[in-house]
Amino acid sequence: MSVIETSFSHQTIGEIVREDIRAAKILKRNGIDFCCGGKKTLQKACEEKNVNVDRIQEELIDLMSRNNPFPEINPDKWKIDFLADYIENIHHTYVKQNMPVISELAEKVARVHGEHAPELVKINELWTEVVNELAPHMQKEELVLFPYIKKMVAVSEGRAENVKAHFGTVKNPIAMMEKEHEAAGELLEEIYLLSSSFTLPEWACNSYKLLYNSMAEFREDLHRHIHLENNILFPKAIILEEKFNAN
């Protein structure tokens, strides 16, 4: 087996991106899901997408051999209570601010141009499902899961005496959150395919352009958002709880 093959092929996608977020660009360019699909090995993900794994690994090695201009920005090194706050303050705030704007645009563009571009009607329907999925999802994280994770950190640092949860183990809400991440991700991928990768027709009006640009940005942000939870926050929360149970 070559050096390249031993470097990345048996690592999971989540581990690779967790080590260097810049790897996400290479994976995304090749259609490899680094958020919801983060538990798959690079080898498996490449096989599913019919992508040459050696080529991807060569690109990753070349990328990681170059200096990262922002090495200090590595969420894998952050305390998980800080990470939970970061996700809520940055990504949840982004989602809450942009969902109503995109909803208004999607409805308007579908109403005005749906007769000539019927995919816009379906995109509007799918977007409504995305909103209905993410709004209660974030609320459950903010009111239940994140406070529990932060309380665990406080106990581990001696700032609180104990932590108890009505849901038994943190694995239970995490499993639900991951399932909901997958559902939202699949809806956005369906939108992405229906829009031909957010490709605009020549006759697109400004609202049409703003809709696709906003959806593309939203999709990018959600990928990073889910990566931080699925591949960093959640696994570390499970490990921390297991340490409590072992004592």
C-alpha atoms as a PDB file:
ATOM      1  CA  MET A   1       0.000   0.000   0.000  1.00  0.00           C
ATOM      2  CA  SER A   2       1.356   3.446  -0.937  1.00  0.00           C
ATOM      3  CA  VAL A   3       2.082   6.257   1.513  1.00  0.00           C
ATOM      4  CA  ILE A   4      -0.812   8.225   0.038  1.00  0.00           C
ATOM      5  CA  GLU A   5      -3.239   5.380   0.548  1.00  0.00           C
ATOM      6  CA  THR A   6      -2.306   5.055   4.205  1.00  0.00           C
ATOM      7  CA  SER A   7      -2.652   8.802   4.743  1.00  0.00           C
ATOM      8  CA  PHE A   8      -6.344   9.392   4.221  1.00  0.00           C
ATOM      9  CA  SER A   9      -8.264   6.530   2.621  1.00  0.00           C
ATOM     10  CA  HIS A  10      -9.276   4.907   5.913  1.00  0.00           C
ATOM     11  CA  GLN A  11      -9.912   8.150   7.762  1.00  0.00           C
ATOM     12  CA  THR A  12     -13.487   9.345   7.918  1.00  0.00           C
ATOM     13  CA  ILE A  13     -14.522  12.445   6.001  1.00  0.00           C
ATOM     14  CA  GLY A  14     -15.349  14.128   9.300  1.00  0.00           C
ATOM     15  CA  GLU A  15     -11.865  13.438  10.691  1.00  0.00           C
ATOM     16  CA  ILE A  16     -10.195  14.883   7.600  1.00  0.00           C
ATOM     17  CA  VAL A  17     -12.213  18.111   7.662  1.00  0.00           C
ATOM     18  CA  ARG A  18     -11.903  18.364  11.443  1.00  0.00           C
ATOM     19  CA  GLU A  19      -8.119  18.319  11.029  1.00  0.00           C
ATOM     20  CA  ASP A  20      -8.156  21.036   8.349  1.00  0.00           C
ATOM     21  CA  ILE A  21     -11.352  22.802   7.304  1.00  0.00           C
ATOM     22  CA  ARG A  22      -9.717  23.732   3.999  1.00  0.00           C
ATOM     23  CA  ALA A  23     -10.173  20.097   2.937  1.00  0.00           C
ATOM     24  CA  ALA A  24     -13.909  20.764   2.670  1.00  0.00           C
ATOM     25  CA  LYS A  25     -13.385  22.670  -0.587  1.00  0.00           C
ATOM     26  CA  ILE A  26     -11.711  19.692  -2.246  1.00  0.00           C
ATOM     27  CA  LEU A  27     -14.400  17.317  -1.038  1.00  0.00           C
ATOM     28  CA  LYS A  28     -17.269  19.598  -2.056  1.00  0.00           C
ATOM     29  CA  ARG A  29     -15.761  20.119  -5.507  1.00  0.00           C
ATOM     30  CA  ASN A  30     -15.963  16.353  -5.977  1.00  0.00           C
ATOM     31  CA  GLY A  31     -19.504  16.028  -4.631  1.00  0.00           C
ATOM     32  CA  ILE A  32     -18.432  14.402  -1.346  1.00  0.00           C
ATOM     33  CA  ASP A  33     -20.625  15.247   1.654  1.00  0.00           C
ATOM     34  CA  PHE A  34     -18.460  16.255   4.627  1.00  0.00           C
ATOM     35  CA  CYS A  35     -21.272  17.083   7.076  1.00  0.00           C
ATOM     36  CA  CYS A  36     -24.026  14.442   7.147  1.00  0.00           C
ATOM     37  CA  GLY A  37     -21.705  11.987   5.394  1.00  0.00           C
ATOM     38  CA  GLY A  38     -18.849  12.653   7.782  1.00  0.00           C
ATOM     39  CA  LYS A  39     -18.807   9.153   9.274  1.00  0.00           C
ATOM     40  CA  LYS A  40     -17.896   7.485   5.970  1.00  0.00           C
ATOM     41  CA  THR A  41     -14.268   6.762   5.146  1.00  0.00           C
ATOM     42  CA  LEU A  42     -12.725   8.673   2.251  1.00  0.00           C
ATOM     43  CA  GLN A  43     -12.377   5.365   0.416  1.00  0.00           C
ATOM     44  CA  LYS A  44     -16.093   4.602   0.778  1.00  0.00           C
ATOM     45  CA  ALA A  45     -17.184   8.128  -0.138  1.00  0.00           C
ATOM     46  CA  CYS A  46     -15.033   8.110  -3.280  1.00  0.00           C
ATOM     47  CA  GLU A  47     -16.370   4.715  -4.324  1.00  0.00           C
ATOM     48  CA  GLU A  48     -19.958   5.953  -3.955  1.00  0.00           C
ATOM     49  CA  LYS A  49     -19.242   9.041  -6.083  1.00  0.00           C
ATOM     50  CA  ASN A  50     -17.071   7.126  -8.577  1.00  0.00           C
ATOM     51  CA  VAL A  51     -14.175   9.442  -7.782  1.00  0.00           C
ATOM     52  CA  ASN A  52     -10.514   8.398  -7.907  1.00  0.00           C
ATOM     53  CA  VAL A  53      -9.424   8.186  -4.272  1.00  0.00           C
ATOM     54  CA  ASP A  54      -5.708   8.518  -5.084  1.00  0.00           C
ATOM     55  CA  ARG A  55      -6.326  11.808  -6.880  1.00  0.00           C
ATOM     56  CA  ILE A  56      -8.325  13.181  -3.940  1.00  0.00           C
ATOM     57  CA  GLN A  57      -5.633  12.117  -1.484  1.00  0.00           C
ATOM     58  CA  GLU A  58      -2.927  13.756  -3.587  1.00  0.00           C
ATOM     59  CA  GLU A  59      -4.938  16.993  -3.550  1.00  0.00           C
ATOM     60  CA  LEU A  60      -5.391  16.737   0.229  1.00  0.00           C
ATOM     61  CA  ILE A  61      -1.697  16.094   0.831  1.00  0.00           C
ATOM     62  CA  ASP A  62      -0.767  19.031  -1.399  1.00  0.00           C
ATOM     63  CA  LEU A  63      -3.262  21.263   0.450  1.00  0.00           C
ATOM     64  CA  MET A  64      -2.088  20.280   3.907  1.00  0.00           C
ATOM     65  CA  SER A  65       1.567  20.704   2.960  1.00  0.00           C
ATOM     66  CA  ARG A  66       0.875  24.412   2.440  1.00  0.00           C
ATOM     67  CA  ASN A  67       0.686  26.733   5.419  1.00  0.00           C
ATOM     68  CA  ASN A  68      -2.793  27.452   6.710  1.00  0.00           C
ATOM     69  CA  PRO A  69      -3.134  31.273   6.785  1.00  0.00           C
ATOM     70  CA  PHE A  70      -5.503  30.976   9.757  1.00  0.00           C
ATOM     71  CA  PRO A  71      -4.166  28.061  11.863  1.00  0.00           C
ATOM     72  CA  GLU A  72      -5.687  29.451  15.047  1.00  0.00           C
ATOM     73  CA  ILE A  73      -9.207  29.031  13.665  1.00  0.00           C
ATOM     74  CA  ASN A  74      -9.578  25.345  14.415  1.00  0.00           C
ATOM     75  CA  PRO A  75     -12.892  24.455  16.096  1.00  0.00           C
ATOM     76  CA  ASP A  76     -11.523  21.027  16.985  1.00  0.00           C
ATOM     77  CA  LYS A  77      -9.277  22.762  19.536  1.00  0.00           C
ATOM     78  CA  TRP A  78     -12.076  24.770  21.155  1.00  0.00           C
ATOM     79  CA  LYS A  79     -13.773  23.826  24.411  1.00  0.00           C
ATOM     80  CA  ILE A  80     -17.127  22.321  23.587  1.00  0.00           C
ATOM     81  CA  ASP A  81     -19.129  24.787  25.653  1.00  0.00           C
ATOM     82  CA  PHE A  82     -17.539  27.586  23.608  1.00  0.00           C
ATOM     83  CA  LEU A  83     -18.253  25.634  20.416  1.00  0.00           C
ATOM     84  CA  ALA A  84     -21.924  25.244  21.366  1.00  0.00           C
ATOM     85  CA  ASP A  85     -22.164  28.994  21.976  1.00  0.00           C
ATOM     86  CA  TYR A  86     -20.390  29.681  18.679  1.00  0.00           C
ATOM     87  CA  ILE A  87     -22.813  27.479  16.740  1.00  0.00           C
ATOM     88  CA  GLU A  88     -25.806  29.152  18.362  1.00  0.00           C
ATOM     89  CA  ASN A  89     -24.538  32.723  18.027  1.00  0.00           C
ATOM     90  CA  ILE A  90     -23.120  32.427  14.521  1.00  0.00           C
ATOM     91  CA  HIS A  91     -24.889  29.662  12.618  1.00  0.00           C
ATOM     92  CA  HIS A  92     -28.269  29.621  14.356  1.00  0.00           C
ATOM     93  CA  THR A  93     -28.448  33.407  14.103  1.00  0.00           C
ATOM     94  CA  TYR A  94     -27.587  33.223  10.407  1.00  0.00           C
ATOM     95  CA  VAL A  95     -30.320  30.646   9.780  1.00  0.00           C
ATOM     96  CA  LYS A  96     -32.942  32.609  11.723  1.00  0.00           C
ATOM     97  CA  GLN A  97     -32.130  35.844   9.926  1.00  0.00           C
ATOM     98  CA  ASN A  98     -32.040  34.376   6.441  1.00  0.00           C
ATOM     99  CA  MET A  99     -34.877  31.833   6.433  1.00  0.00           C
ATOM    100  CA  PRO A 100     -37.695  34.428   6.271  1.00  0.00           C
ATOM    101  CA  VAL A 101     -35.874  36.437   3.599  1.00  0.00           C
ATOM    102  CA  ILE A 102     -35.361  33.374   1.408  1.00  0.00           C
ATOM    103  CA  SER A 103     -38.940  32.215   2.053  1.00  0.00           C
ATOM    104  CA  GLU A 104     -40.306  35.517   0.757  1.00  0.00           C
ATOM    105  CA  LEU A 105     -38.069  35.375  -2.305  1.00  0.00           C
ATOM    106  CA  ALA A 106     -38.901  31.726  -3.048  1.00  0.00           C
ATOM    107  CA  GLU A 107     -42.645  32.409  -2.892  1.00  0.00           C
ATOM    108  CA  LYS A 108     -42.361  35.533  -5.059  1.00  0.00           C
ATOM    109  CA  VAL A 109     -40.149  33.963  -7.741  1.00  0.00           C
ATOM    110  CA  ALA A 110     -42.309  30.825  -7.899  1.00  0.00           C
ATOM    111  CA  ARG A 111     -45.453  32.932  -8.269  1.00  0.00           C
ATOM    112  CA  VAL A 112     -44.022  35.194 -10.971  1.00  0.00           C
ATOM    113  CA  HIS A 113     -41.910  32.719 -12.975  1.00  0.00           C
ATOM    114  CA  GLY A 114     -43.320  29.310 -12.031  1.00  0.00           C
ATOM    115  CA  GLU A 115     -45.309  28.994 -15.251  1.00  0.00           C
ATOM    116  CA  HIS A 116     -42.139  29.253 -17.358  1.00  0.00           C
ATOM    117  CA  ALA A 117     -39.858  27.458 -14.888  1.00  0.00           C
ATOM    118  CA  PRO A 118     -41.984  24.892 -12.987  1.00  0.00           C
ATOM    119  CA  GLU A 119     -38.984  23.755 -10.948  1.00  0.00           C
ATOM    120  CA  LEU A 120     -39.327  27.022  -9.022  1.00  0.00           C
ATOM    121  CA  VAL A 121     -42.691  25.907  -7.661  1.00  0.00           C
ATOM    122  CA  LYS A 122     -41.160  22.675  -6.372  1.00  0.00           C
ATOM    123  CA  ILE A 123     -38.156  24.550  -4.979  1.00  0.00           C
ATOM    124  CA  ASN A 124     -40.503  26.813  -3.028  1.00  0.00           C
ATOM    125  CA  GLU A 125     -42.295  23.770  -1.594  1.00  0.00           C
ATOM    126  CA  LEU A 126     -39.012  22.111  -0.639  1.00  0.00           C
ATOM    127  CA  TRP A 127     -37.736  25.301   0.957  1.00  0.00           C
ATOM    128  CA  THR A 128     -40.849  25.438   3.145  1.00  0.00           C
ATOM    129  CA  GLU A 129     -39.988  21.928   4.316  1.00  0.00           C
ATOM    130  CA  VAL A 130     -36.436  23.056   5.116  1.00  0.00           C
ATOM    131  CA  VAL A 131     -37.805  25.864   7.289  1.00  0.00           C
ATOM    132  CA  ASN A 132     -40.238  23.527   9.022  1.00  0.00           C
ATOM    133  CA  GLU A 133     -37.369  21.142   9.736  1.00  0.00           C
ATOM    134  CA  LEU A 134     -34.760  23.626  10.968  1.00  0.00           C
ATOM    135  CA  ALA A 135     -36.837  25.983  13.120  1.00  0.00           C
ATOM    136  CA  PRO A 136     -37.893  23.421  15.778  1.00  0.00           C
ATOM    137  CA  HIS A 137     -34.565  21.626  15.393  1.00  0.00           C
ATOM    138  CA  MET A 138     -32.576  24.660  16.495  1.00  0.00           C
ATOM    139  CA  GLN A 139     -34.976  25.327  19.337  1.00  0.00           C
ATOM    140  CA  LYS A 140     -34.419  21.823  20.717  1.00  0.00           C
ATOM    141  CA  GLU A 141     -30.672  22.320  20.549  1.00  0.00           C
ATOM    142  CA  GLU A 142     -30.818  25.706  22.261  1.00  0.00           C
ATOM    143  CA  LEU A 143     -33.240  24.698  25.017  1.00  0.00           C
ATOM    144  CA  VAL A 144     -32.221  21.100  25.693  1.00  0.00           C
ATOM    145  CA  LEU A 145     -29.023  19.747  24.141  1.00  0.00           C
ATOM    146  CA  PHE A 146     -26.635  22.697  24.291  1.00  0.00           C
ATOM    147  CA  PRO A 147     -27.450  23.612  27.920  1.00  0.00           C
ATOM    148  CA  TYR A 148     -26.819  19.986  28.919  1.00  0.00           C
ATOM    149  CA  ILE A 149     -23.470  19.963  27.108  1.00  0.00           C
ATOM    150  CA  LYS A 150     -22.449  23.240  28.769  1.00  0.00           C
ATOM    151  CA  LYS A 151     -23.529  21.916  32.157  1.00  0.00           C
ATOM    152  CA  MET A 152     -21.357  18.833  31.653  1.00  0.00           C
ATOM    153  CA  VAL A 153     -18.366  21.065  30.977  1.00  0.00           C
ATOM    154  CA  ALA A 154     -19.142  23.110  34.095  1.00  0.00           C
ATOM    155  CA  VAL A 155     -19.260  19.943  36.227  1.00  0.00           C
ATOM    156  CA  SER A 156     -16.008  18.651  34.714  1.00  0.00           C
ATOM    157  CA  GLU A 157     -14.328  21.955  35.630  1.00  0.00           C
ATOM    158  CA  GLY A 158     -15.772  22.045  39.148  1.00  0.00           C
ATOM    159  CA  ARG A 159     -18.101  24.971  38.445  1.00  0.00           C
ATOM    160  CA  ALA A 160     -21.234  22.884  39.048  1.00  0.00           C
ATOM    161  CA  GLU A 161     -22.008  19.921  41.265  1.00  0.00           C
ATOM    162  CA  ASN A 162     -23.960  17.562  39.067  1.00  0.00           C
ATOM    163  CA  VAL A 163     -25.740  17.184  35.774  1.00  0.00           C
ATOM    164  CA  LYS A 164     -28.850  15.129  35.132  1.00  0.00           C
ATOM    165  CA  ALA A 165     -30.905  14.688  31.981  1.00  0.00           C
ATOM    166  CA  HIS A 166     -34.474  13.518  31.483  1.00  0.00           C
ATOM    167  CA  PHE A 167     -33.460  11.997  28.125  1.00  0.00           C
ATOM    168  CA  GLY A 168     -31.255   9.314  29.691  1.00  0.00           C
ATOM    169  CA  THR A 169     -28.041   9.756  27.735  1.00  0.00           C
ATOM    170  CA  VAL A 170     -26.831  12.523  25.467  1.00  0.00           C
ATOM    171  CA  LYS A 171     -26.683   9.934  22.688  1.00  0.00           C
ATOM    172  CA  ASN A 172     -30.489  10.057  22.428  1.00  0.00           C
ATOM    173  CA  PRO A 173     -30.948  13.742  21.502  1.00  0.00           C
ATOM    174  CA  ILE A 174     -27.790  13.593  19.407  1.00  0.00           C
ATOM    175  CA  ALA A 175     -29.224  10.724  17.352  1.00  0.00           C
ATOM    176  CA  MET A 176     -32.368  12.790  16.788  1.00  0.00           C
ATOM    177  CA  MET A 177     -30.370  15.889  15.819  1.00  0.00           C
ATOM    178  CA  GLU A 178     -28.268  13.907  13.337  1.00  0.00           C
ATOM    179  CA  LYS A 179     -31.401  12.444  11.770  1.00  0.00           C
ATOM    180  CA  GLU A 180     -32.873  15.929  11.396  1.00  0.00           C
ATOM    181  CA  HIS A 181     -29.592  17.208   9.935  1.00  0.00           C
ATOM    182  CA  GLU A 182     -29.799  14.494   7.314  1.00  0.00           C
ATOM    183  CA  ALA A 183     -33.401  15.381   6.487  1.00  0.00           C
ATOM    184  CA  ALA A 184     -32.610  19.090   6.048  1.00  0.00           C
ATOM    185  CA  GLY A 185     -29.493  18.263   4.056  1.00  0.00           C
ATOM    186  CA  GLU A 186     -31.409  15.995   1.690  1.00  0.00           C
ATOM    187  CA  LEU A 187     -34.026  18.692   1.072  1.00  0.00           C
ATOM    188  CA  LEU A 188     -31.339  21.241   0.225  1.00  0.00           C
ATOM    189  CA  GLU A 189     -29.606  18.777  -2.077  1.00  0.00           C
ATOM    190  CA  GLU A 190     -32.882  18.227  -3.903  1.00  0.00           C
ATOM    191  CA  ILE A 191     -33.179  22.008  -4.320  1.00  0.00           C
ATOM    192  CA  TYR A 192     -29.565  22.118  -5.528  1.00  0.00           C
ATOM    193  CA  LEU A 193     -30.260  19.483  -8.191  1.00  0.00           C
ATOM    194  CA  LEU A 194     -33.568  21.024  -9.297  1.00  0.00           C
ATOM    195  CA  SER A 195     -31.846  24.380  -9.728  1.00  0.00           C
ATOM    196  CA  SER A 196     -29.032  22.787 -11.786  1.00  0.00           C
ATOM    197  CA  SER A 197     -26.525  23.784  -9.105  1.00  0.00           C
ATOM    198  CA  PHE A 198     -28.164  27.215  -8.757  1.00  0.00           C
ATOM    199  CA  THR A 199     -27.608  27.998 -12.427  1.00  0.00           C
ATOM    200  CA  LEU A 200     -29.574  31.054 -13.524  1.00  0.00           C
ATOM    201  CA  PRO A 201     -31.289  31.430 -16.904  1.00  0.00           C
ATOM    202  CA  GLU A 202     -30.295  34.442 -19.007  1.00  0.00           C
ATOM    203  CA  TRP A 203     -33.679  36.049 -18.421  1.00  0.00           C
ATOM    204  CA  ALA A 204     -33.528  35.814 -14.603  1.00  0.00           C
ATOM    205  CA  CYS A 205     -34.719  38.947 -12.810  1.00  0.00           C
ATOM    206  CA  ASN A 206     -32.969  40.429  -9.782  1.00  0.00           C
ATOM    207  CA  SER A 207     -35.233  38.573  -7.333  1.00  0.00           C
ATOM    208  CA  TYR A 208     -34.502  35.289  -9.121  1.00  0.00           C
ATOM    209  CA  LYS A 209     -30.739  36.003  -8.921  1.00  0.00           C
ATOM    210  CA  LEU A 210     -30.947  36.961  -5.253  1.00  0.00           C
ATOM    211  CA  LEU A 211     -32.935  33.790  -4.466  1.00  0.00           C
ATOM    212  CA  TYR A 212     -30.376  31.443  -5.986  1.00  0.00           C
ATOM    213  CA  ASN A 213     -27.408  33.356  -4.551  1.00  0.00           C
ATOM    214  CA  SER A 214     -29.023  33.334  -1.091  1.00  0.00           C
ATOM    215  CA  MET A 215     -29.856  29.633  -1.280  1.00  0.00           C
ATOM    216  CA  ALA A 216     -26.314  28.804  -2.387  1.00  0.00           C
ATOM    217  CA  GLU A 217     -24.876  30.758   0.542  1.00  0.00           C
ATOM    218  CA  PHE A 218     -27.371  29.180   2.948  1.00  0.00           C
ATOM    219  CA  ARG A 219     -26.406  25.699   1.766  1.00  0.00           C
ATOM    220  CA  GLU A 220     -22.705  26.465   2.281  1.00  0.00           C
ATOM    221  CA  ASP A 221     -23.334  27.767   5.786  1.00  0.00           C
ATOM    222  CA  LEU A 222     -25.474  24.769   6.717  1.00  0.00           C
ATOM    223  CA  HIS A 223     -22.747  22.374   5.599  1.00  0.00           C
ATOM    224  CA  ARG A 224     -20.258  24.082   7.926  1.00  0.00           C
ATOM    225  CA  HIS A 225     -22.910  24.260  10.676  1.00  0.00           C
ATOM    226  CA  ILE A 226     -23.690  20.528  10.506  1.00  0.00           C
ATOM    227  CA  HIS A 227     -20.001  19.630  10.288  1.00  0.00           C
ATOM    228  CA  LEU A 228     -19.286  21.451  13.554  1.00  0.00           C
ATOM    229  CA  GLU A 229     -22.068  19.549  15.297  1.00  0.00           C
ATOM    230  CA  ASN A 230     -21.888  16.064  13.767  1.00  0.00           C
ATOM    231  CA  ASN A 231     -18.117  15.759  13.527  1.00  0.00           C
ATOM    232  CA  ILE A 232     -16.860  17.769  16.499  1.00  0.00           C
ATOM    233  CA  LEU A 233     -19.412  18.821  19.125  1.00  0.00           C
ATOM    234  CA  PHE A 234     -21.517  15.666  19.307  1.00  0.00           C
ATOM    235  CA  PRO A 235     -18.690  13.082  19.458  1.00  0.00           C
ATOM    236  CA  LYS A 236     -16.912  15.095  22.168  1.00  0.00           C
ATOM    237  CA  ALA A 237     -20.128  15.463  24.182  1.00  0.00           C
ATOM    238  CA  ILE A 238     -20.592  11.682  24.095  1.00  0.00           C
ATOM    239  CA  ILE A 239     -16.995  11.132  25.257  1.00  0.00           C
ATOM    240  CA  LEU A 240     -17.405  13.628  28.110  1.00  0.00           C
ATOM    241  CA  GLU A 241     -20.610  11.958  29.311  1.00  0.00           C
ATOM    242  CA  GLU A 242     -18.950   8.559  29.163  1.00  0.00           C
ATOM    243  CA  LYS A 243     -16.193   9.888  31.447  1.00  0.00           C
ATOM    244  CA  PHE A 244     -18.869  10.877  33.991  1.00  0.00           C
ATOM    245  CA  ASN A 245     -20.439   7.442  33.821  1.00  0.00           C
ATOM    246  CA  ALA A 246     -17.063   5.757  34.281  1.00  0.00           C
ATOM    247  CA  ASN A 247     -16.458   7.589  37.565  1.00  0.00           C
END
